[in-house]
Every structure is written in structure tokens, then in C-alpha cells.
């Protein structure tokens, strides 16, 4: 996190709050990356969707990034777990990359830990897309 606070729309905050509550009820908050989401949710800045700065990654953002280790460029769309699909660029908020991206800004460098090691990426471009609560429940 760049400044320690994620920015979320009111709708996304509500869905993610329920997700964190579910993780807590099932005892999965002991996992470090899930615990990180719970901590960040406690300090989240909640705004109307139209007020979120265009360079900030939030749910539904399309992110173009470069892996510093390999120099390869990729694209990801940050989604709720039910929307993540194998073989597509959808990245779940619960995946290590998704948790690393939420709240970051275009032009920043991000480091995250995932299976296989520690990775560093550069966020090249952020584009907001529409993502609905109905889609989050599918």
C-alpha cells in the first residue's frame, strides 16, 4: 500500500465487508493475506464511485503492469472471487496480486509475496470499468 489506506466505493466496501466477515467466521483470517485485507478494510476511505480518483485501483479496475523481474507487461482486472476465471485476466481480490493492487496508484511500484516467491511490479496504467454487486454474488 502506498499510503496505508485503500479507497473503495460504498458498494464495494459493503461486499468486501461481508467477505471479511465470512473469512472471520470460517477462521481463515489467520492467513496473512486475508488478515491484510481485514486490516486495510478497517482504515478504508469510502467514497461515491464517481469521486474515486481515476489513477487509484479499486474493484473493477483494469491494470496494466510490468513485472520488474522479467520485463513482461500484463493486464489484470481486479474482481470479486466469484468473478475470477481461470485463463482470463480477472484477478480475485483474495489472490496475492489482487491484495497487493487494491488502493495502489498508477505509476507506483508494488512488491508482493505469492507462491513461488516475491514479485515486484510497476503499475503503468489504471482504467476504471463497471463491476456490479450482482456480479459479485455470482
C-alpha atoms as a PDB file:
ATOM      1  CA  UNK A   1       0.000   0.000   0.000  1.00  0.00           C
ATOM      2  CA  UNK A   2       1.278   3.406  -0.914  1.00  0.00           C
ATOM      3  CA  UNK A   3      -0.245   5.369   1.946  1.00  0.00           C
ATOM      4  CA  UNK A   4      -1.809   2.659   4.072  1.00  0.00           C
ATOM      5  CA  UNK A   5      -5.436   3.347   3.053  1.00  0.00           C
ATOM      6  CA  UNK A   6      -7.466   1.744   0.335  1.00  0.00           C
ATOM      7  CA  UNK A   7     -10.177   3.681  -1.448  1.00  0.00           C
ATOM      8  CA  UNK A   8     -13.443   1.855  -2.093  1.00  0.00           C
ATOM      9  CA  UNK A   9     -16.858   2.728  -3.404  1.00  0.00           C
ATOM     10  CA  UNK A  10     -19.691   2.356  -0.915  1.00  0.00           C
ATOM     11  CA  UNK A  11     -20.984  -0.683  -2.811  1.00  0.00           C
ATOM     12  CA  UNK A  12     -17.590  -2.402  -2.952  1.00  0.00           C
ATOM     13  CA  UNK A  13     -16.980  -1.701   0.730  1.00  0.00           C
ATOM     14  CA  UNK A  14     -20.263  -3.398   1.604  1.00  0.00           C
ATOM     15  CA  UNK A  15     -19.444  -6.536  -0.448  1.00  0.00           C
ATOM     16  CA  UNK A  16     -15.865  -6.728   0.871  1.00  0.00           C
ATOM     17  CA  UNK A  17     -17.050  -6.191   4.456  1.00  0.00           C
ATOM     18  CA  UNK A  18     -19.304  -9.254   4.113  1.00  0.00           C
ATOM     19  CA  UNK A  19     -16.410 -11.192   2.592  1.00  0.00           C
ATOM     20  CA  UNK A  20     -14.111 -10.310   5.514  1.00  0.00           C
ATOM     21  CA  UNK A  21     -16.867 -11.238   7.986  1.00  0.00           C
ATOM     22  CA  UNK A  22     -17.185 -14.615   6.247  1.00  0.00           C
ATOM     23  CA  UNK A  23     -13.413 -15.153   6.407  1.00  0.00           C
ATOM     24  CA  UNK A  24     -13.514 -14.368  10.118  1.00  0.00           C
ATOM     25  CA  UNK A  25     -16.415 -16.775  10.788  1.00  0.00           C
ATOM     26  CA  UNK A  26     -14.578 -19.594   8.989  1.00  0.00           C
ATOM     27  CA  UNK A  27     -11.293 -18.941  10.808  1.00  0.00           C
ATOM     28  CA  UNK A  28      -9.384 -18.009   7.656  1.00  0.00           C
ATOM     29  CA  UNK A  29      -8.281 -14.550   8.847  1.00  0.00           C
ATOM     30  CA  UNK A  30      -5.236 -16.247  10.343  1.00  0.00           C
ATOM     31  CA  UNK A  31      -3.862 -16.486   6.793  1.00  0.00           C
ATOM     32  CA  UNK A  32      -1.607 -13.441   6.297  1.00  0.00           C
ATOM     33  CA  UNK A  33      -3.043 -12.159   3.022  1.00  0.00           C
ATOM     34  CA  UNK A  34      -6.651 -12.431   4.271  1.00  0.00           C
ATOM     35  CA  UNK A  35      -5.652 -10.719   7.502  1.00  0.00           C
ATOM     36  CA  UNK A  36      -4.110  -7.912   5.454  1.00  0.00           C
ATOM     37  CA  UNK A  37      -7.446  -7.284   3.721  1.00  0.00           C
ATOM     38  CA  UNK A  38      -9.230  -7.154   7.086  1.00  0.00           C
ATOM     39  CA  UNK A  39      -6.680  -4.636   8.417  1.00  0.00           C
ATOM     40  CA  UNK A  40      -6.941  -2.452   5.320  1.00  0.00           C
ATOM     41  CA  UNK A  41     -10.732  -2.527   5.439  1.00  0.00           C
ATOM     42  CA  UNK A  42     -10.642  -1.009   8.945  1.00  0.00           C
ATOM     43  CA  UNK A  43      -8.897   2.070   7.534  1.00  0.00           C
ATOM     44  CA  UNK A  44     -10.540   2.232   4.109  1.00  0.00           C
ATOM     45  CA  UNK A  45     -11.673   5.529   2.660  1.00  0.00           C
ATOM     46  CA  UNK A  46     -15.218   5.028   1.383  1.00  0.00           C
ATOM     47  CA  UNK A  47     -16.436   7.292  -1.432  1.00  0.00           C
ATOM     48  CA  UNK A  48     -19.119   7.523  -4.066  1.00  0.00           C
ATOM     49  CA  UNK A  49     -17.913   5.624  -7.140  1.00  0.00           C
ATOM     50  CA  UNK A  50     -17.803   8.827  -9.213  1.00  0.00           C
ATOM     51  CA  UNK A  51     -15.493  10.539  -6.706  1.00  0.00           C
ATOM     52  CA  UNK A  52     -12.731   7.906  -6.739  1.00  0.00           C
ATOM     53  CA  UNK A  53      -9.590   9.326  -8.404  1.00  0.00           C
ATOM     54  CA  UNK A  54      -9.009   7.789 -11.828  1.00  0.00           C
ATOM     55  CA  UNK A  55      -5.418   6.729 -11.026  1.00  0.00           C
ATOM     56  CA  UNK A  56      -6.421   4.671  -7.942  1.00  0.00           C
ATOM     57  CA  UNK A  57      -7.004   0.922  -8.244  1.00  0.00           C
ATOM     58  CA  UNK A  58     -10.312  -0.225  -6.846  1.00  0.00           C
ATOM     59  CA  UNK A  59     -12.666  -3.101  -7.579  1.00  0.00           C
ATOM     60  CA  UNK A  60     -13.244  -3.427 -11.318  1.00  0.00           C
ATOM     61  CA  UNK A  61     -10.104  -1.540 -12.307  1.00  0.00           C
ATOM     62  CA  UNK A  62      -8.217  -2.704 -15.377  1.00  0.00           C
ATOM     63  CA  UNK A  63      -4.500  -2.538 -14.582  1.00  0.00           C
ATOM     64  CA  UNK A  64      -1.590  -2.652 -16.994  1.00  0.00           C
ATOM     65  CA  UNK A  65       1.610  -3.547 -15.152  1.00  0.00           C
ATOM     66  CA  UNK A  66       5.177  -4.649 -15.799  1.00  0.00           C
ATOM     67  CA  UNK A  67       6.926  -7.408 -13.864  1.00  0.00           C
ATOM     68  CA  UNK A  68      10.318  -5.987 -12.886  1.00  0.00           C
ATOM     69  CA  UNK A  69      11.995  -9.419 -12.729  1.00  0.00           C
ATOM     70  CA  UNK A  70      11.105 -10.440 -16.277  1.00  0.00           C
ATOM     71  CA  UNK A  71      10.273  -7.164 -18.001  1.00  0.00           C
ATOM     72  CA  UNK A  72       6.993  -8.615 -19.244  1.00  0.00           C
ATOM     73  CA  UNK A  73       3.870  -6.495 -19.341  1.00  0.00           C
ATOM     74  CA  UNK A  74       0.470  -7.913 -18.409  1.00  0.00           C
ATOM     75  CA  UNK A  75      -3.056  -6.788 -17.754  1.00  0.00           C
ATOM     76  CA  UNK A  76      -5.399  -7.632 -14.904  1.00  0.00           C
ATOM     77  CA  UNK A  77      -8.922  -6.708 -13.905  1.00  0.00           C
ATOM     78  CA  UNK A  78      -9.448  -6.664 -10.127  1.00  0.00           C
ATOM     79  CA  UNK A  79     -12.613  -8.621  -9.317  1.00  0.00           C
ATOM     80  CA  UNK A  80     -14.526 -10.284  -6.515  1.00  0.00           C
ATOM     81  CA  UNK A  81     -13.737 -14.003  -6.007  1.00  0.00           C
ATOM     82  CA  UNK A  82     -16.865 -15.219  -7.828  1.00  0.00           C
ATOM     83  CA  UNK A  83     -15.812 -13.305 -10.943  1.00  0.00           C
ATOM     84  CA  UNK A  84     -12.269 -14.687 -11.182  1.00  0.00           C
ATOM     85  CA  UNK A  85     -11.945 -17.081 -14.103  1.00  0.00           C
ATOM     86  CA  UNK A  86      -9.083 -19.406 -14.985  1.00  0.00           C
ATOM     87  CA  UNK A  87      -7.116 -18.374 -18.036  1.00  0.00           C
ATOM     88  CA  UNK A  88      -8.500 -14.838 -18.086  1.00  0.00           C
ATOM     89  CA  UNK A  89      -7.084 -11.584 -16.848  1.00  0.00           C
ATOM     90  CA  UNK A  90      -9.531 -11.451 -13.922  1.00  0.00           C
ATOM     91  CA  UNK A  91      -7.629 -11.384 -10.622  1.00  0.00           C
ATOM     92  CA  UNK A  92      -9.515 -12.004  -7.379  1.00  0.00           C
ATOM     93  CA  UNK A  93      -9.193  -9.503  -4.554  1.00  0.00           C
ATOM     94  CA  UNK A  94      -8.262 -12.536  -2.405  1.00  0.00           C
ATOM     95  CA  UNK A  95      -5.285 -13.506  -4.592  1.00  0.00           C
ATOM     96  CA  UNK A  96      -1.874 -12.176  -3.504  1.00  0.00           C
ATOM     97  CA  UNK A  97      -1.687  -9.950  -6.600  1.00  0.00           C
ATOM     98  CA  UNK A  98      -5.219  -8.648  -6.052  1.00  0.00           C
ATOM     99  CA  UNK A  99      -4.495  -7.746  -2.441  1.00  0.00           C
ATOM    100  CA  UNK A 100      -1.284  -6.019  -3.489  1.00  0.00           C
ATOM    101  CA  UNK A 101      -3.067  -3.955  -6.142  1.00  0.00           C
ATOM    102  CA  UNK A 102      -6.087  -2.664  -4.229  1.00  0.00           C
ATOM    103  CA  UNK A 103      -5.641   1.004  -3.326  1.00  0.00           C
ATOM    104  CA  UNK A 104      -2.407   1.458  -5.267  1.00  0.00           C
ATOM    105  CA  UNK A 105      -1.936   4.161  -7.872  1.00  0.00           C
ATOM    106  CA  UNK A 106      -0.821   4.409 -11.450  1.00  0.00           C
ATOM    107  CA  UNK A 107       2.936   4.943 -11.643  1.00  0.00           C
ATOM    108  CA  UNK A 108       3.800   3.171  -8.385  1.00  0.00           C
ATOM    109  CA  UNK A 109       5.986   0.136  -7.716  1.00  0.00           C
ATOM    110  CA  UNK A 110       4.465  -2.712  -5.722  1.00  0.00           C
ATOM    111  CA  UNK A 111       6.043  -5.733  -4.076  1.00  0.00           C
ATOM    112  CA  UNK A 112       4.005  -8.773  -3.093  1.00  0.00           C
ATOM    113  CA  UNK A 113       4.559 -12.326  -1.901  1.00  0.00           C
ATOM    114  CA  UNK A 114       2.882 -15.197  -3.735  1.00  0.00           C
ATOM    115  CA  UNK A 115       3.520 -18.886  -4.178  1.00  0.00           C
ATOM    116  CA  UNK A 116       6.851 -19.089  -5.929  1.00  0.00           C
ATOM    117  CA  UNK A 117       8.419 -16.037  -4.341  1.00  0.00           C
ATOM    118  CA  UNK A 118       8.371 -12.283  -4.001  1.00  0.00           C
ATOM    119  CA  UNK A 119       7.477 -10.212  -7.037  1.00  0.00           C
ATOM    120  CA  UNK A 120       7.885  -6.567  -7.925  1.00  0.00           C
ATOM    121  CA  UNK A 121       5.664  -4.832 -10.434  1.00  0.00           C
ATOM    122  CA  UNK A 122       5.290  -1.347 -11.843  1.00  0.00           C
ATOM    123  CA  UNK A 123       1.717  -0.110 -12.342  1.00  0.00           C
ATOM    124  CA  UNK A 124       1.691   1.509 -15.771  1.00  0.00           C
ATOM    125  CA  UNK A 125      -1.965   2.376 -16.286  1.00  0.00           C
ATOM    126  CA  UNK A 126      -5.249   2.183 -14.389  1.00  0.00           C
ATOM    127  CA  UNK A 127      -8.623   2.245 -16.082  1.00  0.00           C
ATOM    128  CA  UNK A 128     -11.929   2.017 -14.224  1.00  0.00           C
ATOM    129  CA  UNK A 129     -14.553  -0.436 -15.501  1.00  0.00           C
ATOM    130  CA  UNK A 130     -18.019  -1.201 -14.235  1.00  0.00           C
ATOM    131  CA  UNK A 131     -18.416  -4.021 -11.755  1.00  0.00           C
ATOM    132  CA  UNK A 132     -21.711  -4.633 -10.016  1.00  0.00           C
ATOM    133  CA  UNK A 133     -22.723  -6.173  -6.732  1.00  0.00           C
ATOM    134  CA  UNK A 134     -24.933  -8.615  -8.638  1.00  0.00           C
ATOM    135  CA  UNK A 135     -21.853  -9.863 -10.496  1.00  0.00           C
ATOM    136  CA  UNK A 136     -20.005 -10.118  -7.188  1.00  0.00           C
ATOM    137  CA  UNK A 137     -22.574 -12.639  -5.938  1.00  0.00           C
ATOM    138  CA  UNK A 138     -22.437 -14.947  -8.956  1.00  0.00           C
END
